[in-house]
Protein backbone atom coordinates (compact mmCIF):
# COMPACT_ATOMS: atom_id res chain seq x y z
CA GLY A 1 -37.65 -39.32 -35.78
CA LEU A 2 -35.40 -42.03 -33.52
CA PHE A 3 -38.44 -44.85 -34.03
CA LYS A 4 -38.59 -44.57 -38.16
CA PRO A 5 -36.44 -48.12 -38.30
CA LEU A 6 -40.06 -49.80 -36.69
CA LEU A 7 -41.73 -49.03 -39.27
CA LYS A 8 -39.98 -51.51 -41.86
CA GLU A 9 -41.55 -55.12 -41.19
CA THR A 10 -38.41 -56.43 -40.82
CA VAL A 11 -37.14 -54.78 -37.64
CA HIS A 12 -40.70 -55.13 -35.67
CA LYS A 13 -44.51 -55.69 -36.01
CA LYS A 14 -45.77 -53.17 -38.40
CA ASN A 15 -47.62 -50.27 -36.14
CA ALA A 16 -47.32 -53.05 -33.07
CA PRO A 17 -47.08 -50.91 -29.35
CA PHE A 18 -43.92 -51.13 -27.54
CA THR A 19 -42.37 -49.69 -24.10
CA LEU A 20 -39.70 -48.34 -22.72
CA GLU A 21 -37.77 -48.79 -19.95
CA LEU A 22 -34.46 -48.48 -18.15
CA PRO A 23 -31.82 -50.42 -19.29
CA ASP A 24 -29.94 -52.54 -16.62
CA LYS A 25 -27.95 -50.94 -14.11
CA PHE A 26 -29.05 -47.64 -15.19
CA ASN A 27 -27.35 -44.97 -12.40
CA ARG A 28 -29.97 -42.76 -11.63
CA SER A 29 -27.05 -40.58 -9.95
CA LYS A 30 -26.72 -39.37 -13.68
CA ILE A 31 -28.39 -38.59 -16.92
CA GLY A 32 -27.91 -41.03 -20.30
CA LEU A 33 -27.25 -39.65 -22.85
CA SER A 34 -26.97 -41.62 -27.04
CA GLU A 35 -23.62 -40.78 -27.63
CA VAL A 36 -22.28 -40.18 -31.27
CA GLY A 37 -18.58 -38.96 -30.67
CA PRO A 38 -15.45 -39.02 -28.57
CA GLY A 39 -16.54 -37.26 -25.27
CA ASP A 40 -12.91 -36.54 -23.97
CA LYS A 41 -11.77 -34.07 -27.39
CA ILE A 42 -15.14 -32.56 -25.47
CA SER A 43 -14.04 -31.58 -22.03
CA LYS A 44 -10.44 -30.08 -23.34
CA LEU A 45 -12.73 -27.40 -25.85
CA ARG A 46 -14.04 -24.09 -25.78
CA PRO A 47 -17.78 -23.41 -26.55
CA TRP A 48 -16.86 -22.17 -29.78
CA GLU A 49 -15.05 -24.36 -30.75
CA ILE A 50 -16.87 -27.36 -30.60
CA ILE A 51 -18.99 -25.34 -32.87
CA GLN A 52 -16.76 -24.02 -35.50
CA LYS A 53 -15.37 -27.27 -35.56
CA ASP A 54 -18.54 -28.97 -35.83
CA LEU A 55 -18.08 -31.80 -32.99
CA VAL A 56 -19.79 -33.57 -30.77
CA TRP A 57 -20.58 -35.93 -28.53
CA THR A 58 -24.03 -36.19 -27.31
CA ALA A 59 -26.95 -36.89 -29.15
CA GLY A 60 -29.68 -34.48 -28.22
CA GLY A 61 -33.07 -36.20 -28.89
CA PHE A 62 -33.78 -38.66 -25.72
CA VAL A 63 -32.23 -38.10 -22.80
CA LEU A 64 -33.08 -39.61 -19.64
CA GLY A 65 -33.14 -39.63 -15.81
CA THR A 66 -34.86 -38.57 -12.65
CA LYS A 67 -36.91 -35.45 -12.61
CA GLU A 68 -33.65 -33.75 -9.92
CA LYS A 69 -31.68 -34.63 -12.91
CA MET A 70 -33.27 -33.99 -15.53
CA GLN A 71 -34.22 -30.53 -13.61
CA GLU A 72 -30.50 -30.05 -13.00
CA PHE A 73 -30.05 -30.81 -16.73
CA ILE A 74 -32.83 -28.70 -18.69
CA THR A 75 -31.49 -25.77 -15.68
CA SER A 76 -27.88 -26.46 -17.55
CA TYR A 77 -28.87 -26.55 -20.82
CA LYS A 78 -30.49 -23.29 -20.21
CA SER A 79 -27.85 -21.57 -19.20
CA ALA A 80 -25.63 -22.69 -22.10
CA GLN A 81 -28.37 -21.84 -24.40
CA ASP A 82 -28.43 -18.43 -23.57
CA GLU A 83 -24.59 -17.72 -23.00
CA LEU A 84 -23.96 -19.40 -26.32
CA LEU A 85 -26.49 -17.03 -27.18
CA GLU A 86 -25.41 -13.95 -25.98
CA HIS A 87 -21.98 -14.73 -27.76
CA ASP A 88 -23.30 -15.06 -31.48
CA MET A 89 -22.39 -18.52 -30.81
CA ILE A 90 -26.04 -20.62 -31.05
CA SER A 91 -26.01 -24.41 -33.11
CA ALA A 92 -27.61 -27.37 -32.63
CA ASP A 93 -28.74 -28.97 -29.60
CA MET A 94 -26.29 -31.25 -29.50
CA HIS A 95 -23.62 -28.97 -29.87
CA THR A 96 -25.57 -27.06 -26.58
CA ILE A 97 -25.29 -30.42 -24.45
CA SER A 98 -21.80 -30.47 -25.46
CA ALA A 99 -20.72 -27.16 -24.58
CA ILE A 100 -22.74 -27.69 -20.65
CA TYR A 101 -19.48 -30.57 -20.20
CA THR A 102 -16.77 -27.66 -21.76
CA PRO A 103 -14.22 -26.06 -18.91
CA GLN A 104 -15.77 -22.84 -19.00
CA MET A 105 -19.44 -24.61 -18.25
CA ILE A 106 -19.16 -27.57 -16.32
CA LYS A 107 -18.42 -25.40 -12.94
CA ARG A 108 -22.39 -24.24 -13.38
CA GLY A 109 -22.84 -27.99 -11.46
CA PRO A 110 -24.57 -29.84 -14.27
CA PRO A 111 -25.16 -33.48 -13.67
CA GLU A 112 -22.66 -35.93 -14.55
CA ALA A 113 -23.62 -37.69 -17.47
CA LYS A 114 -23.08 -41.34 -18.96
CA ALA A 115 -22.79 -41.74 -23.08
CA TYR A 116 -24.35 -45.02 -24.22
CA ILE A 117 -22.73 -46.16 -26.94
CA CYS A 118 -24.59 -48.98 -30.12
CA ARG A 119 -22.90 -50.91 -32.84
CA ASP A 120 -24.48 -50.77 -35.93
CA GLY A 121 -26.79 -53.47 -36.77
CA TRP A 122 -27.60 -53.99 -33.51
CA PHE A 123 -31.20 -54.13 -32.65
CA GLY A 124 -31.82 -54.59 -36.19
CA ILE A 125 -30.93 -51.40 -37.00
CA ARG A 126 -28.32 -49.66 -39.74
CA GLY A 127 -26.42 -46.45 -40.25
CA THR A 128 -26.94 -43.58 -37.80
CA VAL A 129 -30.11 -43.86 -36.39
CA THR A 130 -27.48 -46.74 -34.48
CA LYS A 131 -25.32 -43.90 -32.50
CA TYR A 132 -28.15 -41.53 -32.25
CA GLY A 133 -31.20 -43.76 -31.27
CA CYS A 134 -28.57 -45.75 -28.80
CA LEU A 135 -30.23 -44.90 -25.92
CA ALA A 136 -33.97 -45.08 -26.75
CA PHE A 137 -33.41 -48.11 -28.04
CA LEU A 138 -31.50 -49.92 -25.66
CA CYS A 139 -34.29 -49.04 -23.44
CA LYS A 140 -37.06 -50.57 -25.89
CA GLU A 141 -34.31 -53.46 -25.88
CA ALA A 142 -35.32 -53.52 -22.10
CA ALA A 143 -38.38 -53.35 -22.13
CA GLU A 144 -38.99 -55.98 -24.22
CA THR A 145 -36.03 -58.46 -22.29
CA ARG A 146 -38.46 -57.93 -18.80
CA ALA A 147 -41.92 -58.87 -20.21
CA LYS A 148 -40.58 -61.98 -21.96
CA ALA A 149 -39.02 -62.85 -18.96
CA LYS A 150 -42.33 -62.32 -16.93
CA MET A 151 -43.82 -64.41 -19.72
CA LYS A 152 -41.95 -67.15 -19.51
CA SER A 153 -41.97 -66.46 -15.12
CA GLN A 154 -45.40 -67.05 -15.47
CA GLY A 155 -45.28 -69.98 -18.56
CA LEU A 156 -46.91 -67.88 -21.46
C-alpha cells in the first residue's frame, strides 16, 4: 500500500507508529486527493474517453474530507459507478473519480476537489508512490511537524 516505503529503515524507523493529520491550509469545503495526471484534460472529456484513453486525474487510494464532503463524494462516486456499469464502461476507481468531474457528470454536484501534487524524493520516497500517496504522506508530515513543534515548545 501507500505506506510500504515506511518499511525501509532509511525512510522511517522500522515498525515505528505514526499518525496522520490534516495538512496545513486544508480546505474543509473540498475533498483532497493525490494528483497523478492533469485535471484540465479530464474536464473536457466524456467518461468513455477517460476509460478508453486510460486518463486519470487523481489516485483513489486516499481521499480526505469532512464527513459531509465524504458523504457527497461517496454518493457521486456510487452514482457514477452505477451509470458506468449500466453502459459497460467500468474500469479502475481512478477512472470513476475522473468521470465524476466530466461535464456529463459534474452537474450531479460532486464536492469540489483539491488535488495535491508531490515531487519525487519528497518525504524520502521515490517512484509512483510519491504521486499516488502524496496526500497521505502530506498528512503524515503535518502530524510529525506539529509534534516536533509541540515538543520544542515544551522544551523537550
